[in-house]
């Protein structure tokens, strides 16, 4: 009995091309499915705000969100200019000086987010006030000095009548300035962290002038003169007021005057008031 001959299986060229195209198509479909349905979730970080403003000296943390965050994931923080603002490993940002800077945070996978930051300066002001107004830069009473401040953190001061001194006393509510020429040195730190030194000079004169009356001739004589001779004092002499019977006749800034400008026949009382720059005065009688 004769054996049956095995049939050979063969693929035609057309069938081969068809199978190849089918495999490629299935692969593409699976790739698309993987990327759309089975793809890994995004792992990203982003700030809640794109821009922000802080002041010099402020310390802040900006809000951010991490999608699909993992536990204890390390973040990398950087600043574009540490002279304007710094940032530490925990994301705390501190304003250092006026200007613009970019703060960036990055995930280990390289995804990052940035926030544009403007660092501004606080408006600051320190005004020295007294409870009296000066008269030609001099005061004629004991002064109570106070400060009007805006965004000033700390004030130290010192007073000296010998010139410069080093502020070492903490300011509370007022500074008392007595008779003499006093230098007030103030050192303060403002809210921007800036250290400022300020100086004021107060000239306080509580002493009335000390003078003598020198007269040449009799009051009724045509060329008779009166001279007011005053010793040296802190403020100097400012003016002389001449009186007859308690009424001012004239005023001058010269110590020497001719009696004829003041004299009037009959029985009268004469005097002169001598004023210093601080408006302190003393009155001297002039004998007939």
C-alpha atoms as a PDB file:
ATOM      1  CA  UNK A   1       0.000   0.000   0.000  1.00  0.00           C
ATOM      2  CA  UNK A   2       1.399   3.371  -1.000  1.00  0.00           C
ATOM      3  CA  UNK A   3       2.036   6.172   1.603  1.00  0.00           C
ATOM      4  CA  UNK A   4       0.191   9.505   1.432  1.00  0.00           C
ATOM      5  CA  UNK A   5       2.450  12.399   0.551  1.00  0.00           C
ATOM      6  CA  UNK A   6       2.542  15.242   3.177  1.00  0.00           C
ATOM      7  CA  UNK A   7       1.192  18.542   1.957  1.00  0.00           C
ATOM      8  CA  UNK A   8       3.548  21.476   2.193  1.00  0.00           C
ATOM      9  CA  UNK A   9       2.224  24.735   3.823  1.00  0.00           C
ATOM     10  CA  UNK A  10       3.324  27.832   2.035  1.00  0.00           C
ATOM     11  CA  UNK A  11       2.468  31.546   2.214  1.00  0.00           C
ATOM     12  CA  UNK A  12       2.236  33.642  -0.785  1.00  0.00           C
ATOM     13  CA  UNK A  13       3.852  36.993  -1.092  1.00  0.00           C
ATOM     14  CA  UNK A  14       0.505  38.761  -0.825  1.00  0.00           C
ATOM     15  CA  UNK A  15      -0.334  36.849   2.322  1.00  0.00           C
ATOM     16  CA  UNK A  16       3.051  37.757   3.827  1.00  0.00           C
ATOM     17  CA  UNK A  17       2.496  41.458   3.194  1.00  0.00           C
ATOM     18  CA  UNK A  18      -0.989  41.232   4.661  1.00  0.00           C
ATOM     19  CA  UNK A  19       0.249  39.530   7.843  1.00  0.00           C
ATOM     20  CA  UNK A  20       3.019  42.120   8.277  1.00  0.00           C
ATOM     21  CA  UNK A  21       0.590  44.998   7.909  1.00  0.00           C
ATOM     22  CA  UNK A  22      -1.743  43.322  10.393  1.00  0.00           C
ATOM     23  CA  UNK A  23       0.996  42.942  13.009  1.00  0.00           C
ATOM     24  CA  UNK A  24       2.081  46.579  12.579  1.00  0.00           C
ATOM     25  CA  UNK A  25      -1.492  47.801  12.853  1.00  0.00           C
ATOM     26  CA  UNK A  26      -2.116  45.798  16.019  1.00  0.00           C
ATOM     27  CA  UNK A  27       1.142  47.171  17.490  1.00  0.00           C
ATOM     28  CA  UNK A  28       0.106  50.725  16.727  1.00  0.00           C
ATOM     29  CA  UNK A  29      -3.291  50.177  18.271  1.00  0.00           C
ATOM     30  CA  UNK A  30      -1.733  48.753  21.423  1.00  0.00           C
ATOM     31  CA  UNK A  31       0.701  51.724  21.582  1.00  0.00           C
ATOM     32  CA  UNK A  32      -2.159  54.190  21.286  1.00  0.00           C
ATOM     33  CA  UNK A  33      -4.141  52.351  23.940  1.00  0.00           C
ATOM     34  CA  UNK A  34      -1.098  52.388  26.244  1.00  0.00           C
ATOM     35  CA  UNK A  35      -0.624  56.110  25.804  1.00  0.00           C
ATOM     36  CA  UNK A  36      -4.249  57.072  26.195  1.00  0.00           C
ATOM     37  CA  UNK A  37      -5.790  54.551  28.540  1.00  0.00           C
ATOM     38  CA  UNK A  38      -2.972  52.839  30.349  1.00  0.00           C
ATOM     39  CA  UNK A  39      -0.424  55.704  30.446  1.00  0.00           C
ATOM     40  CA  UNK A  40       1.260  56.645  33.739  1.00  0.00           C
ATOM     41  CA  UNK A  41      -0.291  59.632  35.599  1.00  0.00           C
ATOM     42  CA  UNK A  42       1.499  62.989  35.337  1.00  0.00           C
ATOM     43  CA  UNK A  43       3.863  63.926  38.160  1.00  0.00           C
ATOM     44  CA  UNK A  44       4.119  67.737  38.126  1.00  0.00           C
ATOM     45  CA  UNK A  45       4.510  70.751  40.418  1.00  0.00           C
ATOM     46  CA  UNK A  46       3.117  74.239  39.956  1.00  0.00           C
ATOM     47  CA  UNK A  47       2.846  77.451  41.995  1.00  0.00           C
ATOM     48  CA  UNK A  48      -0.625  78.790  42.689  1.00  0.00           C
ATOM     49  CA  UNK A  49       0.473  82.284  41.573  1.00  0.00           C
ATOM     50  CA  UNK A  50       2.692  83.350  38.722  1.00  0.00           C
ATOM     51  CA  UNK A  51       3.777  86.635  40.338  1.00  0.00           C
ATOM     52  CA  UNK A  52       4.021  87.999  43.881  1.00  0.00           C
ATOM     53  CA  UNK A  53       5.319  90.962  45.913  1.00  0.00           C
ATOM     54  CA  UNK A  54       6.971  91.064  49.326  1.00  0.00           C
ATOM     55  CA  UNK A  55       8.918  93.639  51.330  1.00  0.00           C
ATOM     56  CA  UNK A  56      12.563  93.655  52.334  1.00  0.00           C
ATOM     57  CA  UNK A  57      12.929  91.539  55.469  1.00  0.00           C
ATOM     58  CA  UNK A  58       9.689  89.605  54.908  1.00  0.00           C
ATOM     59  CA  UNK A  59       9.855  85.797  55.074  1.00  0.00           C
ATOM     60  CA  UNK A  60       7.168  83.871  53.205  1.00  0.00           C
ATOM     61  CA  UNK A  61       6.338  80.510  51.637  1.00  0.00           C
ATOM     62  CA  UNK A  62       4.403  80.443  48.395  1.00  0.00           C
ATOM     63  CA  UNK A  63       1.596  77.965  47.825  1.00  0.00           C
ATOM     64  CA  UNK A  64       2.154  75.150  45.335  1.00  0.00           C
ATOM     65  CA  UNK A  65       0.576  71.840  44.314  1.00  0.00           C
ATOM     66  CA  UNK A  66       2.204  68.548  43.336  1.00  0.00           C
ATOM     67  CA  UNK A  67       0.147  66.158  41.221  1.00  0.00           C
ATOM     68  CA  UNK A  68       0.484  62.491  42.273  1.00  0.00           C
ATOM     69  CA  UNK A  69       2.885  63.392  45.040  1.00  0.00           C
ATOM     70  CA  UNK A  70       4.882  60.728  46.803  1.00  0.00           C
ATOM     71  CA  UNK A  71       5.777  60.684  50.472  1.00  0.00           C
ATOM     72  CA  UNK A  72       8.872  62.631  51.565  1.00  0.00           C
ATOM     73  CA  UNK A  73       9.640  63.702  48.040  1.00  0.00           C
ATOM     74  CA  UNK A  74      12.623  66.049  47.928  1.00  0.00           C
ATOM     75  CA  UNK A  75      12.161  69.443  46.312  1.00  0.00           C
ATOM     76  CA  UNK A  76      14.965  71.588  44.941  1.00  0.00           C
ATOM     77  CA  UNK A  77      14.629  75.348  45.510  1.00  0.00           C
ATOM     78  CA  UNK A  78      16.658  78.033  43.714  1.00  0.00           C
ATOM     79  CA  UNK A  79      16.687  81.817  43.367  1.00  0.00           C
ATOM     80  CA  UNK A  80      17.827  83.728  40.313  1.00  0.00           C
ATOM     81  CA  UNK A  81      19.481  86.419  42.475  1.00  0.00           C
ATOM     82  CA  UNK A  82      20.328  85.822  46.119  1.00  0.00           C
ATOM     83  CA  UNK A  83      21.160  89.524  46.540  1.00  0.00           C
ATOM     84  CA  UNK A  84      17.464  90.314  46.030  1.00  0.00           C
ATOM     85  CA  UNK A  85      15.850  87.287  47.696  1.00  0.00           C
ATOM     86  CA  UNK A  86      17.060  84.017  49.214  1.00  0.00           C
ATOM     87  CA  UNK A  87      15.267  80.690  49.511  1.00  0.00           C
ATOM     88  CA  UNK A  88      16.181  77.806  51.811  1.00  0.00           C
ATOM     89  CA  UNK A  89      15.736  74.042  51.431  1.00  0.00           C
ATOM     90  CA  UNK A  90      12.222  74.231  52.886  1.00  0.00           C
ATOM     91  CA  UNK A  91      10.991  76.866  50.432  1.00  0.00           C
ATOM     92  CA  UNK A  92      11.113  79.824  52.824  1.00  0.00           C
ATOM     93  CA  UNK A  93      11.801  82.980  50.822  1.00  0.00           C
ATOM     94  CA  UNK A  94      13.324  86.096  52.408  1.00  0.00           C
ATOM     95  CA  UNK A  95      13.429  89.557  50.828  1.00  0.00           C
ATOM     96  CA  UNK A  96      16.951  90.997  50.942  1.00  0.00           C
ATOM     97  CA  UNK A  97      16.952  94.123  48.765  1.00  0.00           C
ATOM     98  CA  UNK A  98      14.800  96.012  46.293  1.00  0.00           C
ATOM     99  CA  UNK A  99      14.459  94.335  42.874  1.00  0.00           C
ATOM    100  CA  UNK A 100      12.974  91.488  40.821  1.00  0.00           C
ATOM    101  CA  UNK A 101      13.867  87.824  41.200  1.00  0.00           C
ATOM    102  CA  UNK A 102      12.609  84.411  40.069  1.00  0.00           C
ATOM    103  CA  UNK A 103      12.084  81.596  42.588  1.00  0.00           C
ATOM    104  CA  UNK A 104      12.067  78.071  41.130  1.00  0.00           C
ATOM    105  CA  UNK A 105      11.125  74.698  42.619  1.00  0.00           C
ATOM    106  CA  UNK A 106      11.984  71.394  40.897  1.00  0.00           C
ATOM    107  CA  UNK A 107      10.925  67.770  41.336  1.00  0.00           C
ATOM    108  CA  UNK A 108      13.405  64.891  41.161  1.00  0.00           C
ATOM    109  CA  UNK A 109      11.982  63.994  37.723  1.00  0.00           C
ATOM    110  CA  UNK A 110      12.986  67.404  36.381  1.00  0.00           C
ATOM    111  CA  UNK A 111       9.541  68.966  36.319  1.00  0.00           C
ATOM    112  CA  UNK A 112       9.659  72.503  37.709  1.00  0.00           C
ATOM    113  CA  UNK A 113       7.678  75.678  38.316  1.00  0.00           C
ATOM    114  CA  UNK A 114       8.696  79.309  38.819  1.00  0.00           C
ATOM    115  CA  UNK A 115       7.228  82.422  40.390  1.00  0.00           C
ATOM    116  CA  UNK A 116       8.302  85.976  39.546  1.00  0.00           C
ATOM    117  CA  UNK A 117       8.876  87.961  42.727  1.00  0.00           C
ATOM    118  CA  UNK A 118       9.244  91.707  43.291  1.00  0.00           C
ATOM    119  CA  UNK A 119      10.933  92.740  46.539  1.00  0.00           C
ATOM    120  CA  UNK A 120       9.877  96.208  47.688  1.00  0.00           C
ATOM    121  CA  UNK A 121      11.120  98.600  50.357  1.00  0.00           C
ATOM    122  CA  UNK A 122       8.891  99.693  53.216  1.00  0.00           C
ATOM    123  CA  UNK A 123       8.274 103.419  53.415  1.00  0.00           C
ATOM    124  CA  UNK A 124      10.110 104.647  56.508  1.00  0.00           C
ATOM    125  CA  UNK A 125      10.139 107.957  58.356  1.00  0.00           C
ATOM    126  CA  UNK A 126      11.631 109.410  61.517  1.00  0.00           C
ATOM    127  CA  UNK A 127      10.673 112.984  62.447  1.00  0.00           C
ATOM    128  CA  UNK A 128      12.071 114.736  65.514  1.00  0.00           C
ATOM    129  CA  UNK A 129       9.479 116.850  67.341  1.00  0.00           C
ATOM    130  CA  UNK A 130       9.821 119.274  70.255  1.00  0.00           C
ATOM    131  CA  UNK A 131       7.163 120.823  72.497  1.00  0.00           C
ATOM    132  CA  UNK A 132       8.421 124.322  71.633  1.00  0.00           C
ATOM    133  CA  UNK A 133       9.298 126.216  68.480  1.00  0.00           C
ATOM    134  CA  UNK A 134      12.805 127.654  68.097  1.00  0.00           C
ATOM    135  CA  UNK A 135      13.427 131.397  67.956  1.00  0.00           C
ATOM    136  CA  UNK A 136      16.149 131.969  65.387  1.00  0.00           C
ATOM    137  CA  UNK A 137      17.296 128.342  65.920  1.00  0.00           C
ATOM    138  CA  UNK A 138      17.422 128.819  69.727  1.00  0.00           C
ATOM    139  CA  UNK A 139      14.959 127.649  72.387  1.00  0.00           C
ATOM    140  CA  UNK A 140      14.219 129.493  75.616  1.00  0.00           C
ATOM    141  CA  UNK A 141      12.767 126.591  77.584  1.00  0.00           C
ATOM    142  CA  UNK A 142      13.671 123.048  78.550  1.00  0.00           C
ATOM    143  CA  UNK A 143      12.738 120.809  75.616  1.00  0.00           C
ATOM    144  CA  UNK A 144      10.936 117.515  75.531  1.00  0.00           C
ATOM    145  CA  UNK A 145      11.979 115.757  72.326  1.00  0.00           C
ATOM    146  CA  UNK A 146       9.792 113.042  70.800  1.00  0.00           C
ATOM    147  CA  UNK A 147       9.871 111.036  67.583  1.00  0.00           C
ATOM    148  CA  UNK A 148       7.236 110.420  64.942  1.00  0.00           C
ATOM    149  CA  UNK A 149       8.078 107.133  63.237  1.00  0.00           C
ATOM    150  CA  UNK A 150       6.820 104.942  60.413  1.00  0.00           C
ATOM    151  CA  UNK A 151       8.170 101.391  60.064  1.00  0.00           C
ATOM    152  CA  UNK A 152      10.978 101.992  62.557  1.00  0.00           C
ATOM    153  CA  UNK A 153      11.866  98.916  64.594  1.00  0.00           C
ATOM    154  CA  UNK A 154      14.356 100.150  67.199  1.00  0.00           C
ATOM    155  CA  UNK A 155      15.700 103.518  68.354  1.00  0.00           C
ATOM    156  CA  UNK A 156      18.803 104.271  70.403  1.00  0.00           C
ATOM    157  CA  UNK A 157      20.101 107.734  71.229  1.00  0.00           C
ATOM    158  CA  UNK A 158      22.660 109.771  73.132  1.00  0.00           C
ATOM    159  CA  UNK A 159      22.986 113.475  73.940  1.00  0.00           C
ATOM    160  CA  UNK A 160      26.240 115.366  74.392  1.00  0.00           C
ATOM    161  CA  UNK A 161      27.356 118.982  74.621  1.00  0.00           C
ATOM    162  CA  UNK A 162      30.872 118.001  73.529  1.00  0.00           C
ATOM    163  CA  UNK A 163      29.986 116.914  70.000  1.00  0.00           C
ATOM    164  CA  UNK A 164      29.597 113.388  68.642  1.00  0.00           C
ATOM    165  CA  UNK A 165      28.530 110.503  70.882  1.00  0.00           C
ATOM    166  CA  UNK A 166      27.574 106.847  70.403  1.00  0.00           C
ATOM    167  CA  UNK A 167      23.833 106.069  70.749  1.00  0.00           C
ATOM    168  CA  UNK A 168      23.488 103.624  73.648  1.00  0.00           C
ATOM    169  CA  UNK A 169      20.171 104.478  75.337  1.00  0.00           C
ATOM    170  CA  UNK A 170      16.869 102.932  74.259  1.00  0.00           C
ATOM    171  CA  UNK A 171      14.216 105.520  73.447  1.00  0.00           C
ATOM    172  CA  UNK A 172      10.965 105.207  75.422  1.00  0.00           C
ATOM    173  CA  UNK A 173       8.634 108.196  75.328  1.00  0.00           C
ATOM    174  CA  UNK A 174      10.681 111.421  75.335  1.00  0.00           C
ATOM    175  CA  UNK A 175      14.157 112.945  75.684  1.00  0.00           C
ATOM    176  CA  UNK A 176      14.710 116.007  77.862  1.00  0.00           C
ATOM    177  CA  UNK A 177      17.150 118.667  76.600  1.00  0.00           C
ATOM    178  CA  UNK A 178      18.259 121.343  79.089  1.00  0.00           C
ATOM    179  CA  UNK A 179      20.279 124.561  78.917  1.00  0.00           C
ATOM    180  CA  UNK A 180      23.189 124.571  76.486  1.00  0.00           C
ATOM    181  CA  UNK A 181      24.097 123.441  72.984  1.00  0.00           C
ATOM    182  CA  UNK A 182      23.285 119.749  72.718  1.00  0.00           C
ATOM    183  CA  UNK A 183      24.028 117.183  70.034  1.00  0.00           C
ATOM    184  CA  UNK A 184      21.445 114.428  69.784  1.00  0.00           C
ATOM    185  CA  UNK A 185      22.607 111.316  67.928  1.00  0.00           C
ATOM    186  CA  UNK A 186      19.952 108.806  66.945  1.00  0.00           C
ATOM    187  CA  UNK A 187      20.545 105.315  65.609  1.00  0.00           C
ATOM    188  CA  UNK A 188      17.576 103.324  64.361  1.00  0.00           C
ATOM    189  CA  UNK A 189      16.815 100.155  62.426  1.00  0.00           C
ATOM    190  CA  UNK A 190      13.938 100.395  59.984  1.00  0.00           C
ATOM    191  CA  UNK A 191      11.621  97.624  58.866  1.00  0.00           C
ATOM    192  CA  UNK A 192      13.780  97.049  55.791  1.00  0.00           C
ATOM    193  CA  UNK A 193      16.625  96.055  58.112  1.00  0.00           C
ATOM    194  CA  UNK A 194      18.561  99.212  57.280  1.00  0.00           C
ATOM    195  CA  UNK A 195      20.671 100.782  60.037  1.00  0.00           C
ATOM    196  CA  UNK A 196      20.476 104.599  59.975  1.00  0.00           C
ATOM    197  CA  UNK A 197      22.258 107.275  62.022  1.00  0.00           C
ATOM    198  CA  UNK A 198      20.625 110.675  62.393  1.00  0.00           C
ATOM    199  CA  UNK A 199      21.835 113.870  64.131  1.00  0.00           C
ATOM    200  CA  UNK A 200      19.999 116.873  65.526  1.00  0.00           C
ATOM    201  CA  UNK A 201      21.434 119.967  67.252  1.00  0.00           C
ATOM    202  CA  UNK A 202      19.427 121.786  69.927  1.00  0.00           C
ATOM    203  CA  UNK A 203      20.465 125.184  71.242  1.00  0.00           C
ATOM    204  CA  UNK A 204      18.710 125.922  74.522  1.00  0.00           C
ATOM    205  CA  UNK A 205      19.314 129.239  76.302  1.00  0.00           C
ATOM    206  CA  UNK A 206      17.639 129.732  79.668  1.00  0.00           C
ATOM    207  CA  UNK A 207      19.996 132.466  80.874  1.00  0.00           C
ATOM    208  CA  UNK A 208      19.034 136.129  80.561  1.00  0.00           C
ATOM    209  CA  UNK A 209      21.708 138.528  79.271  1.00  0.00           C
ATOM    210  CA  UNK A 210      24.058 140.139  81.806  1.00  0.00           C
ATOM    211  CA  UNK A 211      24.863 143.722  80.889  1.00  0.00           C
ATOM    212  CA  UNK A 212      26.083 147.054  82.256  1.00  0.00           C
ATOM    213  CA  UNK A 213      24.925 150.530  81.280  1.00  0.00           C
ATOM    214  CA  UNK A 214      27.636 153.005  80.259  1.00  0.00           C
ATOM    215  CA  UNK A 215      26.495 156.601  79.794  1.00  0.00           C
ATOM    216  CA  UNK A 216      28.437 159.605  78.564  1.00  0.00           C
ATOM    217  CA  UNK A 217      26.903 162.971  79.400  1.00  0.00           C
ATOM    218  CA  UNK A 218      23.589 164.030  80.897  1.00  0.00           C
ATOM    219  CA  UNK A 219      20.297 162.871  79.451  1.00  0.00           C
ATOM    220  CA  UNK A 220      19.388 166.352  78.297  1.00  0.00           C
ATOM    221  CA  UNK A 221      22.714 166.999  76.545  1.00  0.00           C
ATOM    222  CA  UNK A 222      22.645 166.915  72.733  1.00  0.00           C
ATOM    223  CA  UNK A 223      25.553 164.518  72.259  1.00  0.00           C
ATOM    224  CA  UNK A 224      25.002 162.342  75.312  1.00  0.00           C
ATOM    225  CA  UNK A 225      25.121 158.585  74.628  1.00  0.00           C
ATOM    226  CA  UNK A 226      24.108 155.360  76.328  1.00  0.00           C
ATOM    227  CA  UNK A 227      25.922 152.135  75.630  1.00  0.00           C
ATOM    228  CA  UNK A 228      24.748 148.696  76.795  1.00  0.00           C
ATOM    229  CA  UNK A 229      27.761 146.477  77.416  1.00  0.00           C
ATOM    230  CA  UNK A 230      26.919 142.769  77.715  1.00  0.00           C
ATOM    231  CA  UNK A 231      29.208 139.882  78.537  1.00  0.00           C
ATOM    232  CA  UNK A 232      29.533 136.827  76.325  1.00  0.00           C
ATOM    233  CA  UNK A 233      26.754 134.259  76.611  1.00  0.00           C
ATOM    234  CA  UNK A 234      25.446 131.275  74.668  1.00  0.00           C
ATOM    235  CA  UNK A 235      23.079 133.004  72.309  1.00  0.00           C
ATOM    236  CA  UNK A 236      24.307 136.559  71.918  1.00  0.00           C
ATOM    237  CA  UNK A 237      22.273 139.771  71.988  1.00  0.00           C
ATOM    238  CA  UNK A 238      19.524 140.165  69.427  1.00  0.00           C
ATOM    239  CA  UNK A 239      17.856 143.525  70.069  1.00  0.00           C
ATOM    240  CA  UNK A 240      17.461 146.510  72.423  1.00  0.00           C
ATOM    241  CA  UNK A 241      14.111 148.092  73.269  1.00  0.00           C
ATOM    242  CA  UNK A 242      14.159 151.609  74.743  1.00  0.00           C
ATOM    243  CA  UNK A 243      11.312 152.716  77.037  1.00  0.00           C
ATOM    244  CA  UNK A 244      10.052 155.992  78.466  1.00  0.00           C
ATOM    245  CA  UNK A 245       7.484 155.758  81.260  1.00  0.00           C
ATOM    246  CA  UNK A 246       6.863 152.093  80.460  1.00  0.00           C
ATOM    247  CA  UNK A 247       6.129 152.735  76.769  1.00  0.00           C
ATOM    248  CA  UNK A 248       8.495 151.621  74.062  1.00  0.00           C
ATOM    249  CA  UNK A 249       9.963 154.549  72.163  1.00  0.00           C
ATOM    250  CA  UNK A 250      12.077 152.651  69.645  1.00  0.00           C
ATOM    251  CA  UNK A 251      13.958 149.400  69.048  1.00  0.00           C
ATOM    252  CA  UNK A 252      17.426 148.818  67.631  1.00  0.00           C
ATOM    253  CA  UNK A 253      19.974 146.060  67.128  1.00  0.00           C
ATOM    254  CA  UNK A 254      22.780 148.409  68.118  1.00  0.00           C
ATOM    255  CA  UNK A 255      23.965 148.726  71.727  1.00  0.00           C
ATOM    256  CA  UNK A 256      24.911 152.426  71.424  1.00  0.00           C
ATOM    257  CA  UNK A 257      22.247 155.095  71.102  1.00  0.00           C
ATOM    258  CA  UNK A 258      22.032 158.866  71.421  1.00  0.00           C
ATOM    259  CA  UNK A 259      20.042 160.023  74.411  1.00  0.00           C
ATOM    260  CA  UNK A 260      18.229 162.688  72.369  1.00  0.00           C
ATOM    261  CA  UNK A 261      16.263 159.928  70.653  1.00  0.00           C
ATOM    262  CA  UNK A 262      14.881 158.869  74.037  1.00  0.00           C
ATOM    263  CA  UNK A 263      14.924 161.988  76.178  1.00  0.00           C
ATOM    264  CA  UNK A 264      11.956 164.256  76.720  1.00  0.00           C
ATOM    265  CA  UNK A 265      11.953 167.302  79.026  1.00  0.00           C
ATOM    266  CA  UNK A 266      10.286 166.784  82.373  1.00  0.00           C
ATOM    267  CA  UNK A 267      10.318 164.045  84.936  1.00  0.00           C
ATOM    268  CA  UNK A 268      10.296 160.616  83.259  1.00  0.00           C
ATOM    269  CA  UNK A 269      11.454 157.073  83.853  1.00  0.00           C
ATOM    270  CA  UNK A 270      13.767 155.519  81.263  1.00  0.00           C
ATOM    271  CA  UNK A 271      14.800 151.919  80.754  1.00  0.00           C
ATOM    272  CA  UNK A 272      16.134 149.474  78.172  1.00  0.00           C
ATOM    273  CA  UNK A 273      15.227 145.835  77.632  1.00  0.00           C
ATOM    274  CA  UNK A 274      18.014 143.667  76.285  1.00  0.00           C
ATOM    275  CA  UNK A 275      16.908 140.521  74.413  1.00  0.00           C
ATOM    276  CA  UNK A 276      19.008 137.547  73.388  1.00  0.00           C
ATOM    277  CA  UNK A 277      18.336 135.326  70.383  1.00  0.00           C
ATOM    278  CA  UNK A 278      16.218 132.943  72.479  1.00  0.00           C
ATOM    279  CA  UNK A 279      13.945 135.847  73.523  1.00  0.00           C
ATOM    280  CA  UNK A 280      15.229 135.904  77.091  1.00  0.00           C
ATOM    281  CA  UNK A 281      15.529 139.496  78.282  1.00  0.00           C
ATOM    282  CA  UNK A 282      16.568 141.675  81.181  1.00  0.00           C
ATOM    283  CA  UNK A 283      15.440 145.265  81.814  1.00  0.00           C
ATOM    284  CA  UNK A 284      17.829 147.949  83.044  1.00  0.00           C
ATOM    285  CA  UNK A 285      16.814 151.317  84.480  1.00  0.00           C
ATOM    286  CA  UNK A 286      18.519 154.419  83.181  1.00  0.00           C
ATOM    287  CA  UNK A 287      19.097 157.093  85.781  1.00  0.00           C
ATOM    288  CA  UNK A 288      18.392 160.728  84.984  1.00  0.00           C
END
